[in-house]
Amino acid sequence: MPNPIKLKRVVIKEELVALTGDYVSALILNQFVYWSERVKDADKLIQEETERMSLNGVLPNLKFDHGWFYKKAEELSTELMLNSSDQTIRRKIKSLIDHGWIYERRNPNYSWDKTFQYRVDLIQIMTDLSAKGYHLEGYESLQRTLNITNLQIGFPYLQFGGTENDYGDSLLQNGNSYLQSGNSGPHIGRTDLHNRTPNLHGGQAIPEITTEITTDSKLNERLIGAANASSTNISFNNNEIYEVLKSNLPKYCYIADNIPMHESYIESIFLMLIQHHKDILLPEIVIKACERYFENSCNLDLSTGDVSMKIKINNPIGYFSTCYEEAYKLYKVKRGLLSK
């Protein structure tokens, strides 16, 4: 009996359509991420991205050595069953390059080789997805590292040894600085890539793409292991404050219309609370802060159950800190009234 033909499958992901603006570009970007996970040095690609984050993304001379792969426009069209011309595929790829989500180069070691090589910019993809209220599926650990790094940029004393007193009440006094007001909040993203052409000269030869298909579980272990190498060692398990956040943040705290905070935000807010508000950290205040977040930033349509944003929040972690400050002041007033 002949072996069954292996059928092709393509996946259109809502988050990538929202990011790129059309389903063809979303398919191509998803395919690039797919192949990036299957090159032999995929773990080193994750380490390279983690290193960029650890240095706040300011790496003008960084060589992008890992995660490169060959891909022809004709191959992409066949893999994705698009039946599109090479010119159409190239136009879509150029748009992805212009947005900073992928890099392109020729073979740095063989000038006669004209096949294009590509490398995804996971940091830029995750940053832009987060701005739209999404996350990159399968990269939760790397997203957590990115959120922690953004947190450290937003709260400099966490990085450089300052104290809460140095920071004072500036979060509450300047709470609106976390809202969209023309200038973006503290995020790693395009600020580290004024020149979208990376340092490609003298780079390593293209890594061979693995012929054996890696199982999802093994692949995830590789990616998580690399990302966790530079992530925090704080335990989230069996922590009362973390459990309160898990129960209440998705219920009250949204980052876009009908999109509540996902787990990586929950972990980053937990880290922010235990470092910035550790002396006034109580479950009751956490719950009130979640409620204040919703009251200040969201509208609920009672007829449909839809949640829409009153304001655009650029830095949900910083904005939650402002809400926590407000909740603490309300808590003190309540305690004062009860003691009378």
C-alpha atoms as a PDB file:
ATOM      1  CA  MET A   1       0.000   0.000   0.000  1.00  0.00           C
ATOM      2  CA  PRO A   2       1.558   3.354  -1.002  1.00  0.00           C
ATOM      3  CA  ASN A   3       2.371   5.878   1.673  1.00  0.00           C
ATOM      4  CA  PRO A   4      -0.264   8.594   2.039  1.00  0.00           C
ATOM      5  CA  ILE A   5       0.609  11.972   0.591  1.00  0.00           C
ATOM      6  CA  LYS A   6       1.525  14.517   3.242  1.00  0.00           C
ATOM      7  CA  LEU A   7      -0.904  17.380   2.821  1.00  0.00           C
ATOM      8  CA  LYS A   8       0.070  21.013   3.288  1.00  0.00           C
ATOM      9  CA  ARG A   9      -1.412  23.203   5.979  1.00  0.00           C
ATOM     10  CA  VAL A  10      -1.322  26.971   6.390  1.00  0.00           C
ATOM     11  CA  VAL A  11      -2.524  28.965   9.381  1.00  0.00           C
ATOM     12  CA  ILE A  12      -3.881  32.499   9.213  1.00  0.00           C
ATOM     13  CA  LYS A  13      -3.324  34.091  12.609  1.00  0.00           C
ATOM     14  CA  GLU A  14      -5.543  36.990  13.621  1.00  0.00           C
ATOM     15  CA  GLU A  15      -2.757  38.738  15.506  1.00  0.00           C
ATOM     16  CA  LEU A  16      -0.448  38.725  12.470  1.00  0.00           C
ATOM     17  CA  VAL A  17      -3.219  39.950  10.175  1.00  0.00           C
ATOM     18  CA  ALA A  18      -3.820  42.796  12.633  1.00  0.00           C
ATOM     19  CA  LEU A  19      -0.097  43.515  12.617  1.00  0.00           C
ATOM     20  CA  THR A  20       0.608  43.350   8.887  1.00  0.00           C
ATOM     21  CA  GLY A  21      -2.735  44.510   7.518  1.00  0.00           C
ATOM     22  CA  ASP A  22      -3.476  41.594   5.179  1.00  0.00           C
ATOM     23  CA  TYR A  23      -3.606  37.817   5.325  1.00  0.00           C
ATOM     24  CA  VAL A  24      -0.909  37.186   2.690  1.00  0.00           C
ATOM     25  CA  SER A  25       1.684  39.219   4.594  1.00  0.00           C
ATOM     26  CA  ALA A  26       0.536  37.502   7.797  1.00  0.00           C
ATOM     27  CA  LEU A  27       1.077  34.081   6.213  1.00  0.00           C
ATOM     28  CA  ILE A  28       4.555  35.030   5.023  1.00  0.00           C
ATOM     29  CA  LEU A  29       5.591  36.442   8.395  1.00  0.00           C
ATOM     30  CA  ASN A  30       4.242  33.381  10.186  1.00  0.00           C
ATOM     31  CA  GLN A  31       6.181  31.148   7.786  1.00  0.00           C
ATOM     32  CA  PHE A  32       9.373  33.095   8.464  1.00  0.00           C
ATOM     33  CA  VAL A  33       8.881  32.632  12.202  1.00  0.00           C
ATOM     34  CA  TYR A  34       8.233  28.927  11.539  1.00  0.00           C
ATOM     35  CA  TRP A  35      11.495  28.443   9.654  1.00  0.00           C
ATOM     36  CA  SER A  36      13.422  30.504  12.202  1.00  0.00           C
ATOM     37  CA  GLU A  37      12.392  27.951  14.806  1.00  0.00           C
ATOM     38  CA  ARG A  38      13.721  25.100  12.688  1.00  0.00           C
ATOM     39  CA  VAL A  39      17.230  26.196  11.843  1.00  0.00           C
ATOM     40  CA  LYS A  40      19.962  24.414  13.763  1.00  0.00           C
ATOM     41  CA  ASP A  41      20.917  27.543  15.712  1.00  0.00           C
ATOM     42  CA  ALA A  42      17.373  28.506  16.752  1.00  0.00           C
ATOM     43  CA  ASP A  43      18.409  28.465  20.411  1.00  0.00           C
ATOM     44  CA  LYS A  44      21.245  30.878  19.649  1.00  0.00           C
ATOM     45  CA  LEU A  45      18.786  33.179  17.879  1.00  0.00           C
ATOM     46  CA  ILE A  46      16.779  33.358  21.116  1.00  0.00           C
ATOM     47  CA  GLN A  47      19.955  34.031  23.090  1.00  0.00           C
ATOM     48  CA  GLU A  48      20.892  36.785  20.639  1.00  0.00           C
ATOM     49  CA  GLU A  49      17.478  38.442  21.029  1.00  0.00           C
ATOM     50  CA  THR A  50      17.693  38.086  24.806  1.00  0.00           C
ATOM     51  CA  GLU A  51      21.112  39.775  24.770  1.00  0.00           C
ATOM     52  CA  ARG A  52      19.675  42.709  22.832  1.00  0.00           C
ATOM     53  CA  MET A  53      16.952  43.069  25.454  1.00  0.00           C
ATOM     54  CA  SER A  54      19.419  42.855  28.332  1.00  0.00           C
ATOM     55  CA  LEU A  55      21.227  45.867  26.871  1.00  0.00           C
ATOM     56  CA  ASN A  56      17.970  47.814  26.447  1.00  0.00           C
ATOM     57  CA  GLY A  57      18.026  47.275  22.711  1.00  0.00           C
ATOM     58  CA  VAL A  58      20.783  49.828  22.102  1.00  0.00           C
ATOM     59  CA  LEU A  59      23.174  47.743  20.055  1.00  0.00           C
ATOM     60  CA  PRO A  60      24.184  49.725  16.955  1.00  0.00           C
ATOM     61  CA  ASN A  61      27.094  47.420  16.089  1.00  0.00           C
ATOM     62  CA  LEU A  62      25.437  44.110  16.862  1.00  0.00           C
ATOM     63  CA  LYS A  63      26.125  41.351  14.381  1.00  0.00           C
ATOM     64  CA  PHE A  64      23.066  39.272  13.672  1.00  0.00           C
ATOM     65  CA  ASP A  65      24.818  35.934  13.409  1.00  0.00           C
ATOM     66  CA  HIS A  66      22.069  33.444  14.114  1.00  0.00           C
ATOM     67  CA  GLY A  67      18.675  32.413  12.828  1.00  0.00           C
ATOM     68  CA  TRP A  68      19.300  33.031   9.113  1.00  0.00           C
ATOM     69  CA  PHE A  69      17.771  30.789   6.451  1.00  0.00           C
ATOM     70  CA  TYR A  70      17.400  30.628   2.679  1.00  0.00           C
ATOM     71  CA  LYS A  71      14.025  31.210   1.120  1.00  0.00           C
ATOM     72  CA  LYS A  72      13.017  31.975  -2.464  1.00  0.00           C
ATOM     73  CA  ALA A  73       9.816  33.810  -3.337  1.00  0.00           C
ATOM     74  CA  GLU A  74       8.769  30.865  -5.493  1.00  0.00           C
ATOM     75  CA  GLU A  75       9.252  28.485  -2.550  1.00  0.00           C
ATOM     76  CA  LEU A  76       7.175  30.678  -0.266  1.00  0.00           C
ATOM     77  CA  SER A  77       4.332  30.819  -2.755  1.00  0.00           C
ATOM     78  CA  THR A  78       4.379  27.022  -3.063  1.00  0.00           C
ATOM     79  CA  GLU A  79       4.627  26.381   0.676  1.00  0.00           C
ATOM     80  CA  LEU A  80       1.737  28.742   1.412  1.00  0.00           C
ATOM     81  CA  MET A  81      -0.362  27.649  -1.621  1.00  0.00           C
ATOM     82  CA  LEU A  82      -0.720  31.282  -2.658  1.00  0.00           C
ATOM     83  CA  ASN A  83      -0.333  30.869  -6.420  1.00  0.00           C
ATOM     84  CA  SER A  84       1.173  34.370  -6.423  1.00  0.00           C
ATOM     85  CA  SER A  85       3.849  35.770  -8.687  1.00  0.00           C
ATOM     86  CA  ASP A  86       7.407  36.203  -7.440  1.00  0.00           C
ATOM     87  CA  GLN A  87       6.935  39.965  -7.762  1.00  0.00           C
ATOM     88  CA  THR A  88       3.903  39.898  -5.450  1.00  0.00           C
ATOM     89  CA  ILE A  89       5.742  37.808  -2.851  1.00  0.00           C
ATOM     90  CA  ARG A  90       8.787  40.084  -3.044  1.00  0.00           C
ATOM     91  CA  ARG A  91       6.578  43.142  -2.565  1.00  0.00           C
ATOM     92  CA  LYS A  92       5.058  41.617   0.565  1.00  0.00           C
ATOM     93  CA  ILE A  93       8.502  40.688   1.896  1.00  0.00           C
ATOM     94  CA  LYS A  94       9.771  44.219   1.287  1.00  0.00           C
ATOM     95  CA  SER A  95       6.889  45.586   3.362  1.00  0.00           C
ATOM     96  CA  LEU A  96       7.824  43.235   6.223  1.00  0.00           C
ATOM     97  CA  ILE A  97      11.421  44.443   5.970  1.00  0.00           C
ATOM     98  CA  ASP A  98      10.361  48.102   5.916  1.00  0.00           C
ATOM     99  CA  HIS A  99       8.364  47.567   9.117  1.00  0.00           C
ATOM    100  CA  GLY A 100      11.404  46.023  10.792  1.00  0.00           C
ATOM    101  CA  TRP A 101       9.946  42.558  11.352  1.00  0.00           C
ATOM    102  CA  ILE A 102      12.521  40.723   9.233  1.00  0.00           C
ATOM    103  CA  TYR A 103      16.038  41.288   7.908  1.00  0.00           C
ATOM    104  CA  GLU A 104      17.341  40.358   4.489  1.00  0.00           C
ATOM    105  CA  ARG A 105      20.838  39.784   3.161  1.00  0.00           C
ATOM    106  CA  ARG A 106      22.851  37.948   0.510  1.00  0.00           C
ATOM    107  CA  ASN A 107      25.204  35.152   1.479  1.00  0.00           C
ATOM    108  CA  PRO A 108      28.096  36.971   3.216  1.00  0.00           C
ATOM    109  CA  ASN A 109      30.600  34.236   2.344  1.00  0.00           C
ATOM    110  CA  TYR A 110      29.808  33.495  -1.288  1.00  0.00           C
ATOM    111  CA  SER A 111      29.272  36.480  -3.564  1.00  0.00           C
ATOM    112  CA  TRP A 112      28.081  34.216  -6.374  1.00  0.00           C
ATOM    113  CA  ASP A 113      25.119  33.085  -4.261  1.00  0.00           C
ATOM    114  CA  LYS A 114      22.260  35.472  -5.044  1.00  0.00           C
ATOM    115  CA  THR A 115      19.603  33.705  -2.986  1.00  0.00           C
ATOM    116  CA  PHE A 116      18.216  35.940  -0.269  1.00  0.00           C
ATOM    117  CA  GLN A 117      18.601  34.978   3.366  1.00  0.00           C
ATOM    118  CA  TYR A 118      16.205  36.117   6.084  1.00  0.00           C
ATOM    119  CA  ARG A 119      16.157  36.555   9.835  1.00  0.00           C
ATOM    120  CA  VAL A 120      13.149  37.544  11.947  1.00  0.00           C
ATOM    121  CA  ASP A 121      13.320  40.345  14.508  1.00  0.00           C
ATOM    122  CA  LEU A 122      11.408  38.753  17.372  1.00  0.00           C
ATOM    123  CA  ILE A 123      11.771  41.827  19.583  1.00  0.00           C
ATOM    124  CA  GLN A 124      10.194  44.120  17.005  1.00  0.00           C
ATOM    125  CA  ILE A 125       7.390  41.672  16.238  1.00  0.00           C
ATOM    126  CA  MET A 126       6.558  41.231  19.934  1.00  0.00           C
ATOM    127  CA  THR A 127       6.782  44.958  20.627  1.00  0.00           C
ATOM    128  CA  ASP A 128       4.433  45.864  17.772  1.00  0.00           C
ATOM    129  CA  LEU A 129       2.034  43.044  18.623  1.00  0.00           C
ATOM    130  CA  SER A 130       1.905  44.201  22.251  1.00  0.00           C
ATOM    131  CA  ALA A 131       1.032  47.711  21.094  1.00  0.00           C
ATOM    132  CA  LYS A 132      -2.005  46.202  19.387  1.00  0.00           C
ATOM    133  CA  GLY A 133      -2.933  44.088  22.393  1.00  0.00           C
ATOM    134  CA  TYR A 134      -1.583  40.773  21.105  1.00  0.00           C
ATOM    135  CA  HIS A 135       1.375  38.524  21.837  1.00  0.00           C
ATOM    136  CA  LEU A 136       3.528  36.218  19.721  1.00  0.00           C
ATOM    137  CA  GLU A 137       2.241  32.688  20.214  1.00  0.00           C
ATOM    138  CA  GLY A 138       4.837  30.258  21.539  1.00  0.00           C
ATOM    139  CA  TYR A 139       7.185  32.957  22.841  1.00  0.00           C
ATOM    140  CA  GLU A 140       5.640  33.653  26.243  1.00  0.00           C
ATOM    141  CA  SER A 141       8.974  33.317  28.080  1.00  0.00           C
ATOM    142  CA  LEU A 142      10.729  35.704  25.710  1.00  0.00           C
ATOM    143  CA  GLN A 143       7.767  38.097  25.997  1.00  0.00           C
ATOM    144  CA  ARG A 144       8.131  37.941  29.780  1.00  0.00           C
ATOM    145  CA  THR A 145      11.794  38.889  29.451  1.00  0.00           C
ATOM    146  CA  LEU A 146      10.849  41.782  27.146  1.00  0.00           C
ATOM    147  CA  ASN A 147       8.198  42.998  29.597  1.00  0.00           C
ATOM    148  CA  ILE A 148      10.666  42.845  32.481  1.00  0.00           C
ATOM    149  CA  THR A 149      13.226  44.806  30.457  1.00  0.00           C
ATOM    150  CA  ASN A 150      10.619  47.431  29.550  1.00  0.00           C
ATOM    151  CA  LEU A 151       9.692  47.569  33.222  1.00  0.00           C
ATOM    152  CA  GLN A 152      13.305  48.271  34.156  1.00  0.00           C
ATOM    153  CA  ILE A 153      13.474  51.049  31.565  1.00  0.00           C
ATOM    154  CA  GLY A 154      10.240  52.523  32.901  1.00  0.00           C
ATOM    155  CA  PHE A 155      11.420  52.247  36.545  1.00  0.00           C
ATOM    156  CA  PRO A 156      15.134  53.125  36.458  1.00  0.00           C
ATOM    157  CA  TYR A 157      15.690  52.639  40.190  1.00  0.00           C
ATOM    158  CA  LEU A 158      14.999  48.920  39.732  1.00  0.00           C
ATOM    159  CA  GLN A 159      18.021  48.786  37.479  1.00  0.00           C
ATOM    160  CA  PHE A 160      20.419  51.162  39.105  1.00  0.00           C
ATOM    161  CA  GLY A 161      19.780  50.705  42.800  1.00  0.00           C
ATOM    162  CA  GLY A 162      17.663  53.750  43.629  1.00  0.00           C
ATOM    163  CA  THR A 163      14.956  53.655  46.272  1.00  0.00           C
ATOM    164  CA  GLU A 164      11.224  54.175  46.355  1.00  0.00           C
ATOM    165  CA  ASN A 165      11.775  57.453  48.154  1.00  0.00           C
ATOM    166  CA  ASP A 166      13.890  58.655  45.257  1.00  0.00           C
ATOM    167  CA  TYR A 167      10.961  57.912  43.007  1.00  0.00           C
ATOM    168  CA  GLY A 168       8.477  59.554  45.349  1.00  0.00           C
ATOM    169  CA  ASP A 169       4.913  60.095  44.186  1.00  0.00           C
ATOM    170  CA  SER A 170       5.947  60.902  40.634  1.00  0.00           C
ATOM    171  CA  LEU A 171       3.958  57.978  39.268  1.00  0.00           C
ATOM    172  CA  LEU A 172       0.725  59.368  40.668  1.00  0.00           C
ATOM    173  CA  GLN A 173       1.513  62.987  39.856  1.00  0.00           C
ATOM    174  CA  ASN A 174       2.445  62.123  36.292  1.00  0.00           C
ATOM    175  CA  GLY A 175       0.034  59.273  35.706  1.00  0.00           C
ATOM    176  CA  ASN A 176      -1.044  60.646  32.370  1.00  0.00           C
ATOM    177  CA  SER A 177       2.472  60.163  31.055  1.00  0.00           C
ATOM    178  CA  TYR A 178       1.554  56.518  30.597  1.00  0.00           C
ATOM    179  CA  LEU A 179      -1.168  57.432  28.140  1.00  0.00           C
ATOM    180  CA  GLN A 180      -0.752  58.021  24.457  1.00  0.00           C
ATOM    181  CA  SER A 181      -0.018  61.723  24.099  1.00  0.00           C
ATOM    182  CA  GLY A 182       2.195  61.982  21.086  1.00  0.00           C
ATOM    183  CA  ASN A 183       5.344  60.554  22.635  1.00  0.00           C
ATOM    184  CA  SER A 184       5.490  56.812  23.129  1.00  0.00           C
ATOM    185  CA  GLY A 185       6.252  55.249  26.494  1.00  0.00           C
ATOM    186  CA  PRO A 186       9.417  53.400  27.429  1.00  0.00           C
ATOM    187  CA  HIS A 187       9.525  50.371  25.164  1.00  0.00           C
ATOM    188  CA  ILE A 188      12.199  48.499  23.329  1.00  0.00           C
ATOM    189  CA  GLY A 189      11.328  48.683  19.678  1.00  0.00           C
ATOM    190  CA  ARG A 190      12.305  50.888  16.792  1.00  0.00           C
ATOM    191  CA  THR A 191      14.254  53.167  19.093  1.00  0.00           C
ATOM    192  CA  ASP A 192      17.110  50.659  18.897  1.00  0.00           C
ATOM    193  CA  LEU A 193      16.988  50.402  15.121  1.00  0.00           C
ATOM    194  CA  HIS A 194      17.443  53.808  13.563  1.00  0.00           C
ATOM    195  CA  ASN A 195      19.139  52.035  10.689  1.00  0.00           C
ATOM    196  CA  ARG A 196      17.149  48.983   9.693  1.00  0.00           C
ATOM    197  CA  THR A 197      20.189  47.395   8.015  1.00  0.00           C
ATOM    198  CA  PRO A 198      22.046  45.285  10.597  1.00  0.00           C
ATOM    199  CA  ASN A 199      25.772  44.670  10.655  1.00  0.00           C
ATOM    200  CA  LEU A 200      25.884  41.785   8.207  1.00  0.00           C
ATOM    201  CA  HIS A 201      29.453  42.011   6.942  1.00  0.00           C
ATOM    202  CA  GLY A 202      31.577  39.020   7.671  1.00  0.00           C
ATOM    203  CA  GLY A 203      28.657  37.148   9.207  1.00  0.00           C
ATOM    204  CA  GLN A 204      28.615  33.424   9.602  1.00  0.00           C
ATOM    205  CA  ALA A 205      27.516  31.104   6.816  1.00  0.00           C
ATOM    206  CA  ILE A 206      23.842  30.291   6.666  1.00  0.00           C
ATOM    207  CA  PRO A 207      22.953  27.511   9.114  1.00  0.00           C
ATOM    208  CA  GLU A 208      21.535  24.369   7.593  1.00  0.00           C
ATOM    209  CA  ILE A 209      17.825  23.971   8.154  1.00  0.00           C
ATOM    210  CA  THR A 210      17.115  20.823  10.119  1.00  0.00           C
ATOM    211  CA  THR A 211      15.679  18.044   7.995  1.00  0.00           C
ATOM    212  CA  GLU A 212      14.079  16.342  10.977  1.00  0.00           C
ATOM    213  CA  ILE A 213      10.898  18.117  12.011  1.00  0.00           C
ATOM    214  CA  THR A 214      11.196  19.107  15.643  1.00  0.00           C
ATOM    215  CA  THR A 215       8.152  18.325  17.749  1.00  0.00           C
ATOM    216  CA  ASP A 216       6.331  21.313  19.213  1.00  0.00           C
ATOM    217  CA  SER A 217       7.124  20.256  22.778  1.00  0.00           C
ATOM    218  CA  LYS A 218      10.848  19.859  22.121  1.00  0.00           C
ATOM    219  CA  LEU A 219      10.957  23.119  20.187  1.00  0.00           C
ATOM    220  CA  ASN A 220       9.180  24.923  23.009  1.00  0.00           C
ATOM    221  CA  GLU A 221      11.690  23.514  25.499  1.00  0.00           C
ATOM    222  CA  ARG A 222      14.556  24.940  23.432  1.00  0.00           C
ATOM    223  CA  LEU A 223      12.985  28.365  23.183  1.00  0.00           C
ATOM    224  CA  ILE A 224      11.896  28.550  26.820  1.00  0.00           C
ATOM    225  CA  GLY A 225      15.263  27.309  28.044  1.00  0.00           C
ATOM    226  CA  ALA A 226      17.134  29.986  26.107  1.00  0.00           C
ATOM    227  CA  ALA A 227      14.811  32.775  27.216  1.00  0.00           C
ATOM    228  CA  ASN A 228      14.804  31.728  30.857  1.00  0.00           C
ATOM    229  CA  ALA A 229      18.591  31.898  30.941  1.00  0.00           C
ATOM    230  CA  SER A 230      18.386  35.647  31.539  1.00  0.00           C
ATOM    231  CA  SER A 231      14.916  35.895  33.070  1.00  0.00           C
ATOM    232  CA  THR A 232      13.997  36.368  36.704  1.00  0.00           C
ATOM    233  CA  ASN A 233      14.199  33.559  39.264  1.00  0.00           C
ATOM    234  CA  ILE A 234      11.288  34.863  41.346  1.00  0.00           C
ATOM    235  CA  SER A 235       8.685  32.169  41.985  1.00  0.00           C
ATOM    236  CA  PHE A 236       5.086  32.938  41.066  1.00  0.00           C
ATOM    237  CA  ASN A 237       3.647  29.764  42.534  1.00  0.00           C
ATOM    238  CA  ASN A 238       1.520  29.823  45.692  1.00  0.00           C
ATOM    239  CA  ASN A 239       1.939  33.574  46.089  1.00  0.00           C
ATOM    240  CA  GLU A 240      -1.200  35.276  47.383  1.00  0.00           C
ATOM    241  CA  ILE A 241      -0.631  38.534  45.510  1.00  0.00           C
ATOM    242  CA  TYR A 242       0.087  36.710  42.252  1.00  0.00           C
ATOM    243  CA  GLU A 243      -3.062  34.604  42.631  1.00  0.00           C
ATOM    244  CA  VAL A 244      -5.129  37.762  43.215  1.00  0.00           C
ATOM    245  CA  LEU A 245      -3.624  39.278  40.070  1.00  0.00           C
ATOM    246  CA  LYS A 246      -4.390  36.136  38.047  1.00  0.00           C
ATOM    247  CA  SER A 247      -8.007  36.279  39.168  1.00  0.00           C
ATOM    248  CA  ASN A 248      -8.601  40.000  38.727  1.00  0.00           C
ATOM    249  CA  LEU A 249      -6.336  41.383  35.984  1.00  0.00           C
ATOM    250  CA  PRO A 250      -8.039  39.503  33.110  1.00  0.00           C
ATOM    251  CA  LYS A 251     -11.408  40.564  34.539  1.00  0.00           C
ATOM    252  CA  TYR A 252     -10.725  44.298  34.930  1.00  0.00           C
ATOM    253  CA  CYS A 253      -7.552  45.254  33.038  1.00  0.00           C
ATOM    254  CA  TYR A 254      -7.617  45.590  29.254  1.00  0.00           C
ATOM    255  CA  ILE A 255      -4.910  46.631  26.815  1.00  0.00           C
ATOM    256  CA  ALA A 256      -7.224  47.095  23.813  1.00  0.00           C
ATOM    257  CA  ASP A 257     -10.898  46.719  22.957  1.00  0.00           C
ATOM    258  CA  ASN A 258     -12.096  43.334  24.278  1.00  0.00           C
ATOM    259  CA  ILE A 259      -8.498  42.210  24.899  1.00  0.00           C
ATOM    260  CA  PRO A 260      -7.642  41.658  28.579  1.00  0.00           C
ATOM    261  CA  MET A 261      -4.115  41.390  29.894  1.00  0.00           C
ATOM    262  CA  HIS A 262      -2.489  38.034  29.220  1.00  0.00           C
ATOM    263  CA  GLU A 263      -0.176  36.069  31.485  1.00  0.00           C
ATOM    264  CA  SER A 264       3.104  37.774  30.612  1.00  0.00           C
ATOM    265  CA  TYR A 265       1.633  41.140  31.676  1.00  0.00           C
ATOM    266  CA  ILE A 266       0.398  39.580  34.912  1.00  0.00           C
ATOM    267  CA  GLU A 267       3.903  38.394  35.763  1.00  0.00           C
ATOM    268  CA  SER A 268       5.458  41.763  34.952  1.00  0.00           C
ATOM    269  CA  ILE A 269       2.906  43.639  37.084  1.00  0.00           C
ATOM    270  CA  PHE A 270       3.596  41.214  39.921  1.00  0.00           C
ATOM    271  CA  LEU A 271       7.323  41.989  39.660  1.00  0.00           C
ATOM    272  CA  MET A 272       6.636  45.719  39.603  1.00  0.00           C
ATOM    273  CA  LEU A 273       4.416  45.507  42.703  1.00  0.00           C
ATOM    274  CA  ILE A 274       6.834  43.509  44.837  1.00  0.00           C
ATOM    275  CA  GLN A 275       9.658  45.897  43.999  1.00  0.00           C
ATOM    276  CA  HIS A 276       7.959  49.285  43.879  1.00  0.00           C
ATOM    277  CA  HIS A 277       5.093  48.774  46.359  1.00  0.00           C
ATOM    278  CA  LYS A 278       6.453  46.024  48.583  1.00  0.00           C
ATOM    279  CA  ASP A 279       5.825  47.983  51.820  1.00  0.00           C
ATOM    280  CA  ILE A 280       2.152  48.591  51.025  1.00  0.00           C
ATOM    281  CA  LEU A 281       1.301  45.391  49.203  1.00  0.00           C
ATOM    282  CA  LEU A 282      -2.056  43.912  50.229  1.00  0.00           C
ATOM    283  CA  PRO A 283      -4.554  41.749  48.275  1.00  0.00           C
ATOM    284  CA  GLU A 284      -7.370  44.188  49.082  1.00  0.00           C
ATOM    285  CA  ILE A 285      -5.444  47.060  47.481  1.00  0.00           C
ATOM    286  CA  VAL A 286      -4.547  44.930  44.450  1.00  0.00           C
ATOM    287  CA  ILE A 287      -8.229  44.195  43.838  1.00  0.00           C
ATOM    288  CA  LYS A 288      -9.136  47.869  44.220  1.00  0.00           C
ATOM    289  CA  ALA A 289      -6.323  48.836  41.828  1.00  0.00           C
ATOM    290  CA  CYS A 290      -7.765  46.451  39.226  1.00  0.00           C
ATOM    291  CA  GLU A 291     -11.177  48.035  39.662  1.00  0.00           C
ATOM    292  CA  ARG A 292      -9.680  51.540  39.364  1.00  0.00           C
ATOM    293  CA  TYR A 293      -7.898  50.479  36.177  1.00  0.00           C
ATOM    294  CA  PHE A 294     -11.231  49.477  34.639  1.00  0.00           C
ATOM    295  CA  GLU A 295     -13.109  52.544  35.905  1.00  0.00           C
ATOM    296  CA  ASN A 296     -10.477  54.928  34.555  1.00  0.00           C
ATOM    297  CA  SER A 297      -9.771  53.323  31.197  1.00  0.00           C
ATOM    298  CA  CYS A 298     -12.638  51.110  30.049  1.00  0.00           C
ATOM    299  CA  ASN A 299     -16.276  51.233  29.014  1.00  0.00           C
ATOM    300  CA  LEU A 300     -18.639  48.255  29.262  1.00  0.00           C
ATOM    301  CA  ASP A 301     -21.537  47.898  26.832  1.00  0.00           C
ATOM    302  CA  LEU A 302     -24.185  46.201  28.976  1.00  0.00           C
ATOM    303  CA  SER A 303     -26.232  45.136  25.946  1.00  0.00           C
ATOM    304  CA  THR A 304     -23.405  43.259  24.216  1.00  0.00           C
ATOM    305  CA  GLY A 305     -20.850  42.711  26.975  1.00  0.00           C
ATOM    306  CA  ASP A 306     -18.163  44.372  24.820  1.00  0.00           C
ATOM    307  CA  VAL A 307     -15.357  46.278  26.518  1.00  0.00           C
ATOM    308  CA  SER A 308     -13.907  49.338  24.779  1.00  0.00           C
ATOM    309  CA  MET A 309     -11.040  51.585  25.811  1.00  0.00           C
ATOM    310  CA  LYS A 310     -11.711  55.170  26.925  1.00  0.00           C
ATOM    311  CA  ILE A 311      -8.037  55.939  26.533  1.00  0.00           C
ATOM    312  CA  LYS A 312      -5.060  54.364  24.792  1.00  0.00           C
ATOM    313  CA  ILE A 313      -2.630  53.022  27.373  1.00  0.00           C
ATOM    314  CA  ASN A 314       0.939  52.999  26.170  1.00  0.00           C
ATOM    315  CA  ASN A 315       2.451  51.278  29.196  1.00  0.00           C
ATOM    316  CA  PRO A 316      -0.055  49.023  31.003  1.00  0.00           C
ATOM    317  CA  ILE A 317       2.453  48.175  33.729  1.00  0.00           C
ATOM    318  CA  GLY A 318       3.160  51.795  34.571  1.00  0.00           C
ATOM    319  CA  TYR A 319      -0.525  52.682  34.353  1.00  0.00           C
ATOM    320  CA  PHE A 320      -1.403  49.887  36.769  1.00  0.00           C
ATOM    321  CA  SER A 321       1.181  51.306  39.193  1.00  0.00           C
ATOM    322  CA  THR A 322      -0.642  54.630  39.037  1.00  0.00           C
ATOM    323  CA  CYS A 323      -3.934  52.843  39.770  1.00  0.00           C
ATOM    324  CA  TYR A 324      -2.292  51.057  42.682  1.00  0.00           C
ATOM    325  CA  GLU A 325      -1.189  54.388  44.147  1.00  0.00           C
ATOM    326  CA  GLU A 326      -4.771  55.633  43.853  1.00  0.00           C
ATOM    327  CA  ALA A 327      -6.127  52.427  45.420  1.00  0.00           C
ATOM    328  CA  TYR A 328      -3.679  52.755  48.320  1.00  0.00           C
ATOM    329  CA  LYS A 329      -4.817  56.313  49.028  1.00  0.00           C
ATOM    330  CA  LEU A 330      -8.446  55.153  48.995  1.00  0.00           C
ATOM    331  CA  TYR A 331      -7.493  52.299  51.307  1.00  0.00           C
ATOM    332  CA  LYS A 332      -5.898  54.736  53.772  1.00  0.00           C
ATOM    333  CA  VAL A 333      -9.001  56.949  53.714  1.00  0.00           C
ATOM    334  CA  LYS A 334     -11.221  53.936  54.334  1.00  0.00           C
ATOM    335  CA  ARG A 335      -9.036  52.739  57.206  1.00  0.00           C
ATOM    336  CA  GLY A 336      -9.056  56.231  58.697  1.00  0.00           C
ATOM    337  CA  LEU A 337     -12.846  56.448  58.567  1.00  0.00           C
ATOM    338  CA  LEU A 338     -13.248  52.974  60.083  1.00  0.00           C
ATOM    339  CA  SER A 339     -10.893  53.815  62.957  1.00  0.00           C
ATOM    340  CA  LYS A 340     -13.002  56.829  63.993  1.00  0.00           C
END
